Amino acid sequence: MKIVFFLIIFYTACSTTFSQSKVPAPEVQIRLALLSAPEDKRDGATVMGYSPTKDFTVLRKGTNELICLADDPNQSGLSVSCYHKDLEPFMQRGRDLKKQGKNSDEVFKMREEEVKSGKLLMPKQPSTLFVYSASKEDYDEGGGGVKNGYIRSVIYIPYATAETTGLPLKPAAPGLPWIMHPGTHGAHIMINPPVQKEAVKK
């Protein structure tokens, strides 16, 4: 009986691991990635995602200024994003460093040094990143349905400070903008709307 119980637990664990790491079909990845983009930008956005072997690749070449990223199949829940193409060198460098095993602090410090030296270029104008996410419980990996998704906005404005923007270092009230990492290459305005329940999106 103990052996049977162990086998059941082992099979369940393996099945769960597999279900969390499988790669959705390209059309599903594209549809979900575009949830992070403004509606009037979705048709022309470039979408990057994963091949069946989990290689990061371009799933759809776009015609406008936005690049959207599909959900990482190795992570729990849903997290897709969309950003201005001028942020791509910054984003790509982050992906490369993480692939090398660098942690978040190391990635930040290395990009800071590279931007200051001129090796890594940041946009000269404010550039936006949108992130759409949902918990594991609110995301149907198999069917691609999502409910209670949450979207937030980030406006990168390198080396901006509270003094140069007039923004506080924390939100004055839910949903109001504030500045994070002021005075660095990664300075950005955070806009986190209050959480609202929503219907399932398929």
C-alpha atoms as a PDB file:
ATOM      1  CA  MET A   1       0.000   0.000   0.000  1.00  0.00           C
ATOM      2  CA  LYS A   2       2.891   2.365   0.841  1.00  0.00           C
ATOM      3  CA  ILE A   3       4.453   1.693  -2.565  1.00  0.00           C
ATOM      4  CA  VAL A   4       1.185   2.450  -4.346  1.00  0.00           C
ATOM      5  CA  PHE A   5       0.773   5.669  -2.372  1.00  0.00           C
ATOM      6  CA  PHE A   6       4.341   6.723  -3.247  1.00  0.00           C
ATOM      7  CA  LEU A   7       3.770   6.034  -6.928  1.00  0.00           C
ATOM      8  CA  ILE A   8       0.581   8.126  -6.913  1.00  0.00           C
ATOM      9  CA  ILE A   9       2.384  11.061  -5.282  1.00  0.00           C
ATOM     10  CA  PHE A  10       5.330  10.728  -7.687  1.00  0.00           C
ATOM     11  CA  TYR A  11       3.062  10.582 -10.744  1.00  0.00           C
ATOM     12  CA  THR A  12       1.075  13.603  -9.549  1.00  0.00           C
ATOM     13  CA  ALA A  13       4.231  15.630  -8.950  1.00  0.00           C
ATOM     14  CA  CYS A  14       5.615  14.741 -12.371  1.00  0.00           C
ATOM     15  CA  SER A  15       2.341  15.583 -14.070  1.00  0.00           C
ATOM     16  CA  THR A  16       2.164  18.936 -12.302  1.00  0.00           C
ATOM     17  CA  THR A  17       5.734  19.790 -13.273  1.00  0.00           C
ATOM     18  CA  PHE A  18       5.069  18.867 -16.870  1.00  0.00           C
ATOM     19  CA  SER A  19       1.823  20.845 -17.071  1.00  0.00           C
ATOM     20  CA  GLN A  20       3.549  23.934 -15.706  1.00  0.00           C
ATOM     21  CA  SER A  21       6.420  23.768 -18.176  1.00  0.00           C
ATOM     22  CA  LYS A  22       4.786  22.805 -21.478  1.00  0.00           C
ATOM     23  CA  VAL A  23       4.884  25.345 -24.286  1.00  0.00           C
ATOM     24  CA  PRO A  24       1.488  26.527 -25.617  1.00  0.00           C
ATOM     25  CA  ALA A  25       0.899  26.662 -29.365  1.00  0.00           C
ATOM     26  CA  PRO A  26       2.262  29.813 -31.087  1.00  0.00           C
ATOM     27  CA  GLU A  27      -1.229  31.210 -31.689  1.00  0.00           C
ATOM     28  CA  VAL A  28      -2.059  30.861 -27.975  1.00  0.00           C
ATOM     29  CA  GLN A  29       1.215  32.515 -26.952  1.00  0.00           C
ATOM     30  CA  ILE A  30       0.556  35.389 -29.346  1.00  0.00           C
ATOM     31  CA  ARG A  31      -3.031  35.902 -28.186  1.00  0.00           C
ATOM     32  CA  LEU A  32      -2.012  35.961 -24.530  1.00  0.00           C
ATOM     33  CA  ALA A  33       1.031  38.180 -25.101  1.00  0.00           C
ATOM     34  CA  LEU A  34      -1.150  40.768 -26.823  1.00  0.00           C
ATOM     35  CA  LEU A  35      -3.302  41.130 -23.690  1.00  0.00           C
ATOM     36  CA  SER A  36      -0.512  43.362 -22.399  1.00  0.00           C
ATOM     37  CA  ALA A  37      -0.663  45.755 -25.366  1.00  0.00           C
ATOM     38  CA  PRO A  38      -3.062  48.675 -25.902  1.00  0.00           C
ATOM     39  CA  GLU A  39      -5.910  47.445 -28.106  1.00  0.00           C
ATOM     40  CA  ASP A  40      -5.127  49.828 -30.950  1.00  0.00           C
ATOM     41  CA  LYS A  41      -1.531  48.538 -31.080  1.00  0.00           C
ATOM     42  CA  ARG A  42      -2.150  44.795 -30.976  1.00  0.00           C
ATOM     43  CA  ASP A  43      -2.525  44.074 -34.698  1.00  0.00           C
ATOM     44  CA  GLY A  44       0.876  45.533 -35.551  1.00  0.00           C
ATOM     45  CA  ALA A  45       2.955  44.426 -32.563  1.00  0.00           C
ATOM     46  CA  THR A  46       5.881  42.046 -32.855  1.00  0.00           C
ATOM     47  CA  VAL A  47       5.507  38.993 -30.587  1.00  0.00           C
ATOM     48  CA  MET A  48       8.372  36.964 -29.175  1.00  0.00           C
ATOM     49  CA  GLY A  49       7.876  33.659 -27.434  1.00  0.00           C
ATOM     50  CA  TYR A  50       8.987  30.051 -27.222  1.00  0.00           C
ATOM     51  CA  SER A  51       9.496  27.173 -29.622  1.00  0.00           C
ATOM     52  CA  PRO A  52       8.442  23.627 -28.597  1.00  0.00           C
ATOM     53  CA  THR A  53      12.023  23.175 -27.316  1.00  0.00           C
ATOM     54  CA  LYS A  54      11.740  26.418 -25.291  1.00  0.00           C
ATOM     55  CA  ASP A  55      14.085  28.422 -27.482  1.00  0.00           C
ATOM     56  CA  PHE A  56      13.227  32.133 -27.358  1.00  0.00           C
ATOM     57  CA  THR A  57      12.225  33.274 -30.827  1.00  0.00           C
ATOM     58  CA  VAL A  58      10.093  35.663 -32.889  1.00  0.00           C
ATOM     59  CA  LEU A  59       6.593  34.230 -33.223  1.00  0.00           C
ATOM     60  CA  ARG A  60       5.211  37.104 -35.279  1.00  0.00           C
ATOM     61  CA  LYS A  61       6.952  40.010 -36.953  1.00  0.00           C
ATOM     62  CA  GLY A  62       5.095  43.273 -36.465  1.00  0.00           C
ATOM     63  CA  THR A  63       4.753  46.612 -38.204  1.00  0.00           C
ATOM     64  CA  ASN A  64       4.560  49.101 -35.326  1.00  0.00           C
ATOM     65  CA  GLU A  65       6.784  50.201 -32.448  1.00  0.00           C
ATOM     66  CA  LEU A  66       5.741  47.588 -29.870  1.00  0.00           C
ATOM     67  CA  ILE A  67       7.355  44.271 -28.930  1.00  0.00           C
ATOM     68  CA  CYS A  68       5.329  41.815 -26.840  1.00  0.00           C
ATOM     69  CA  LEU A  69       6.734  38.879 -24.890  1.00  0.00           C
ATOM     70  CA  ALA A  70       4.861  35.628 -24.359  1.00  0.00           C
ATOM     71  CA  ASP A  71       4.598  33.921 -20.984  1.00  0.00           C
ATOM     72  CA  ASP A  72       7.642  32.005 -19.733  1.00  0.00           C
ATOM     73  CA  PRO A  73       6.520  28.335 -19.631  1.00  0.00           C
ATOM     74  CA  ASN A  74       8.930  27.658 -16.767  1.00  0.00           C
ATOM     75  CA  GLN A  75       7.196  30.137 -14.464  1.00  0.00           C
ATOM     76  CA  SER A  76       3.974  29.603 -12.530  1.00  0.00           C
ATOM     77  CA  GLY A  77       0.931  31.679 -13.461  1.00  0.00           C
ATOM     78  CA  LEU A  78       0.808  34.140 -16.344  1.00  0.00           C
ATOM     79  CA  SER A  79       3.038  37.136 -16.991  1.00  0.00           C
ATOM     80  CA  VAL A  80       3.193  38.743 -20.432  1.00  0.00           C
ATOM     81  CA  SER A  81       4.540  42.139 -21.374  1.00  0.00           C
ATOM     82  CA  CYS A  82       4.780  44.671 -24.164  1.00  0.00           C
ATOM     83  CA  TYR A  83       7.262  47.515 -24.572  1.00  0.00           C
ATOM     84  CA  HIS A  84       8.549  50.140 -27.001  1.00  0.00           C
ATOM     85  CA  LYS A  85      11.111  48.751 -29.450  1.00  0.00           C
ATOM     86  CA  ASP A  86      13.736  51.270 -28.289  1.00  0.00           C
ATOM     87  CA  LEU A  87      13.874  49.342 -24.998  1.00  0.00           C
ATOM     88  CA  GLU A  88      14.869  46.115 -26.752  1.00  0.00           C
ATOM     89  CA  PRO A  89      18.669  46.447 -26.203  1.00  0.00           C
ATOM     90  CA  PHE A  90      18.012  46.975 -22.480  1.00  0.00           C
ATOM     91  CA  MET A  91      15.563  44.064 -22.320  1.00  0.00           C
ATOM     92  CA  GLN A  92      17.756  41.736 -24.377  1.00  0.00           C
ATOM     93  CA  ARG A  93      20.752  42.455 -22.171  1.00  0.00           C
ATOM     94  CA  GLY A  94      18.686  41.554 -19.136  1.00  0.00           C
ATOM     95  CA  ARG A  95      17.628  38.267 -20.724  1.00  0.00           C
ATOM     96  CA  ASP A  96      21.227  37.446 -21.638  1.00  0.00           C
ATOM     97  CA  LEU A  97      22.516  38.129 -18.132  1.00  0.00           C
ATOM     98  CA  LYS A  98      19.760  36.075 -16.507  1.00  0.00           C
ATOM     99  CA  LYS A  99      20.598  33.213 -18.867  1.00  0.00           C
ATOM    100  CA  GLN A 100      24.155  33.454 -17.546  1.00  0.00           C
ATOM    101  CA  GLY A 101      22.804  32.910 -14.039  1.00  0.00           C
ATOM    102  CA  LYS A 102      22.973  36.503 -12.808  1.00  0.00           C
ATOM    103  CA  ASN A 103      20.489  37.495 -10.119  1.00  0.00           C
ATOM    104  CA  SER A 104      18.357  40.661 -10.202  1.00  0.00           C
ATOM    105  CA  ASP A 105      20.855  42.776  -8.259  1.00  0.00           C
ATOM    106  CA  GLU A 106      23.717  41.700 -10.496  1.00  0.00           C
ATOM    107  CA  VAL A 107      21.715  42.408 -13.640  1.00  0.00           C
ATOM    108  CA  PHE A 108      20.846  45.893 -12.385  1.00  0.00           C
ATOM    109  CA  LYS A 109      24.438  46.752 -11.444  1.00  0.00           C
ATOM    110  CA  MET A 110      25.895  45.435 -14.695  1.00  0.00           C
ATOM    111  CA  ARG A 111      23.403  47.293 -16.856  1.00  0.00           C
ATOM    112  CA  GLU A 112      23.987  50.450 -14.831  1.00  0.00           C
ATOM    113  CA  GLU A 113      27.719  50.237 -15.526  1.00  0.00           C
ATOM    114  CA  GLU A 114      27.189  49.474 -19.202  1.00  0.00           C
ATOM    115  CA  VAL A 115      24.762  52.368 -19.708  1.00  0.00           C
ATOM    116  CA  LYS A 116      27.156  54.789 -17.986  1.00  0.00           C
ATOM    117  CA  SER A 117      30.042  53.595 -20.170  1.00  0.00           C
ATOM    118  CA  GLY A 118      27.981  53.917 -23.344  1.00  0.00           C
ATOM    119  CA  LYS A 119      28.138  50.199 -24.091  1.00  0.00           C
ATOM    120  CA  LEU A 120      24.396  49.792 -23.560  1.00  0.00           C
ATOM    121  CA  LEU A 121      22.063  52.406 -24.999  1.00  0.00           C
ATOM    122  CA  MET A 122      18.814  53.486 -23.363  1.00  0.00           C
ATOM    123  CA  PRO A 123      16.014  55.367 -25.154  1.00  0.00           C
ATOM    124  CA  LYS A 124      16.468  59.138 -25.280  1.00  0.00           C
ATOM    125  CA  GLN A 125      12.747  59.667 -24.745  1.00  0.00           C
ATOM    126  CA  PRO A 126      10.371  58.190 -22.114  1.00  0.00           C
ATOM    127  CA  SER A 127       9.417  54.646 -23.165  1.00  0.00           C
ATOM    128  CA  THR A 128       6.594  52.483 -21.886  1.00  0.00           C
ATOM    129  CA  LEU A 129       6.388  48.897 -20.686  1.00  0.00           C
ATOM    130  CA  PHE A 130       3.043  47.196 -20.018  1.00  0.00           C
ATOM    131  CA  VAL A 131       2.799  44.022 -17.915  1.00  0.00           C
ATOM    132  CA  TYR A 132      -0.300  41.792 -17.773  1.00  0.00           C
ATOM    133  CA  SER A 133      -0.355  39.042 -15.161  1.00  0.00           C
ATOM    134  CA  ALA A 134      -2.609  36.492 -13.499  1.00  0.00           C
ATOM    135  CA  SER A 135      -2.122  33.977 -10.721  1.00  0.00           C
ATOM    136  CA  LYS A 136      -1.839  30.249 -11.344  1.00  0.00           C
ATOM    137  CA  GLU A 137      -5.406  29.819 -10.085  1.00  0.00           C
ATOM    138  CA  ASP A 138      -6.725  32.368 -12.594  1.00  0.00           C
ATOM    139  CA  TYR A 139      -4.858  31.028 -15.615  1.00  0.00           C
ATOM    140  CA  ASP A 140      -5.884  27.952 -17.608  1.00  0.00           C
ATOM    141  CA  GLU A 141      -2.618  26.890 -19.249  1.00  0.00           C
ATOM    142  CA  GLY A 142      -4.278  24.235 -21.363  1.00  0.00           C
ATOM    143  CA  GLY A 143      -7.039  26.380 -22.833  1.00  0.00           C
ATOM    144  CA  GLY A 144      -5.336  29.740 -22.484  1.00  0.00           C
ATOM    145  CA  GLY A 145      -8.239  31.291 -20.573  1.00  0.00           C
ATOM    146  CA  VAL A 146      -7.509  34.069 -18.075  1.00  0.00           C
ATOM    147  CA  LYS A 147      -9.613  35.739 -15.388  1.00  0.00           C
ATOM    148  CA  ASN A 148      -8.785  38.453 -12.885  1.00  0.00           C
ATOM    149  CA  GLY A 149      -5.836  39.553 -14.971  1.00  0.00           C
ATOM    150  CA  TYR A 150      -3.968  42.650 -13.823  1.00  0.00           C
ATOM    151  CA  ILE A 151      -2.192  45.195 -16.006  1.00  0.00           C
ATOM    152  CA  ARG A 152       0.317  47.768 -14.825  1.00  0.00           C
ATOM    153  CA  SER A 153       2.372  50.354 -16.676  1.00  0.00           C
ATOM    154  CA  VAL A 154       6.001  51.369 -16.380  1.00  0.00           C
ATOM    155  CA  ILE A 155       7.464  54.437 -18.092  1.00  0.00           C
ATOM    156  CA  TYR A 156      11.244  54.297 -18.323  1.00  0.00           C
ATOM    157  CA  ILE A 157      12.885  57.696 -18.023  1.00  0.00           C
ATOM    158  CA  PRO A 158      16.613  57.079 -17.353  1.00  0.00           C
ATOM    159  CA  TYR A 159      18.259  59.104 -14.569  1.00  0.00           C
ATOM    160  CA  ALA A 160      15.062  60.940 -13.692  1.00  0.00           C
ATOM    161  CA  THR A 161      14.554  61.796 -10.026  1.00  0.00           C
ATOM    162  CA  ALA A 162      11.720  62.843  -7.762  1.00  0.00           C
ATOM    163  CA  GLU A 163      13.030  66.388  -8.101  1.00  0.00           C
ATOM    164  CA  THR A 164      13.161  66.430 -11.920  1.00  0.00           C
ATOM    165  CA  THR A 165       9.704  64.862 -12.303  1.00  0.00           C
ATOM    166  CA  GLY A 166       7.824  66.075  -9.237  1.00  0.00           C
ATOM    167  CA  LEU A 167       6.812  62.471  -8.511  1.00  0.00           C
ATOM    168  CA  PRO A 168       6.861  60.904  -5.044  1.00  0.00           C
ATOM    169  CA  LEU A 169       8.967  57.870  -4.123  1.00  0.00           C
ATOM    170  CA  LYS A 170       5.820  55.904  -3.264  1.00  0.00           C
ATOM    171  CA  PRO A 171       2.198  56.194  -4.417  1.00  0.00           C
ATOM    172  CA  ALA A 172       0.226  58.872  -2.594  1.00  0.00           C
ATOM    173  CA  ALA A 173      -2.901  56.738  -3.079  1.00  0.00           C
ATOM    174  CA  PRO A 174      -3.748  53.489  -4.912  1.00  0.00           C
ATOM    175  CA  GLY A 175      -3.312  53.911  -8.653  1.00  0.00           C
ATOM    176  CA  LEU A 176      -1.331  57.149  -8.523  1.00  0.00           C
ATOM    177  CA  PRO A 177       2.114  57.288 -10.201  1.00  0.00           C
ATOM    178  CA  TRP A 178       5.432  57.217  -8.367  1.00  0.00           C
ATOM    179  CA  ILE A 179       9.099  56.933  -9.350  1.00  0.00           C
ATOM    180  CA  MET A 180      11.286  53.880  -8.739  1.00  0.00           C
ATOM    181  CA  HIS A 181      15.091  53.598  -8.942  1.00  0.00           C
ATOM    182  CA  PRO A 182      15.453  57.391  -9.261  1.00  0.00           C
ATOM    183  CA  GLY A 183      18.786  58.719 -10.498  1.00  0.00           C
ATOM    184  CA  THR A 184      19.748  55.469 -12.232  1.00  0.00           C
ATOM    185  CA  HIS A 185      19.574  54.056 -15.751  1.00  0.00           C
ATOM    186  CA  GLY A 186      16.518  52.089 -14.629  1.00  0.00           C
ATOM    187  CA  ALA A 187      14.554  55.047 -13.291  1.00  0.00           C
ATOM    188  CA  HIS A 188      10.898  54.551 -14.167  1.00  0.00           C
ATOM    189  CA  ILE A 189       7.432  55.793 -13.353  1.00  0.00           C
ATOM    190  CA  MET A 190       5.193  53.121 -11.848  1.00  0.00           C
ATOM    191  CA  ILE A 191       1.439  53.134 -12.475  1.00  0.00           C
ATOM    192  CA  ASN A 192      -0.370  50.328 -10.642  1.00  0.00           C
ATOM    193  CA  PRO A 193      -4.168  50.613 -10.965  1.00  0.00           C
ATOM    194  CA  PRO A 194      -6.346  49.295  -8.129  1.00  0.00           C
ATOM    195  CA  VAL A 195      -7.094  45.595  -8.534  1.00  0.00           C
ATOM    196  CA  GLN A 196     -10.448  44.823 -10.134  1.00  0.00           C
ATOM    197  CA  LYS A 197     -12.114  41.491 -10.799  1.00  0.00           C
ATOM    198  CA  GLU A 198     -12.770  40.743 -14.428  1.00  0.00           C
ATOM    199  CA  ALA A 199     -14.386  38.110 -16.616  1.00  0.00           C
ATOM    200  CA  VAL A 200     -12.516  35.220 -18.205  1.00  0.00           C
ATOM    201  CA  LYS A 201     -10.596  36.170 -21.368  1.00  0.00           C
ATOM    202  CA  LYS A 202     -10.151  33.486 -24.015  1.00  0.00           C
END
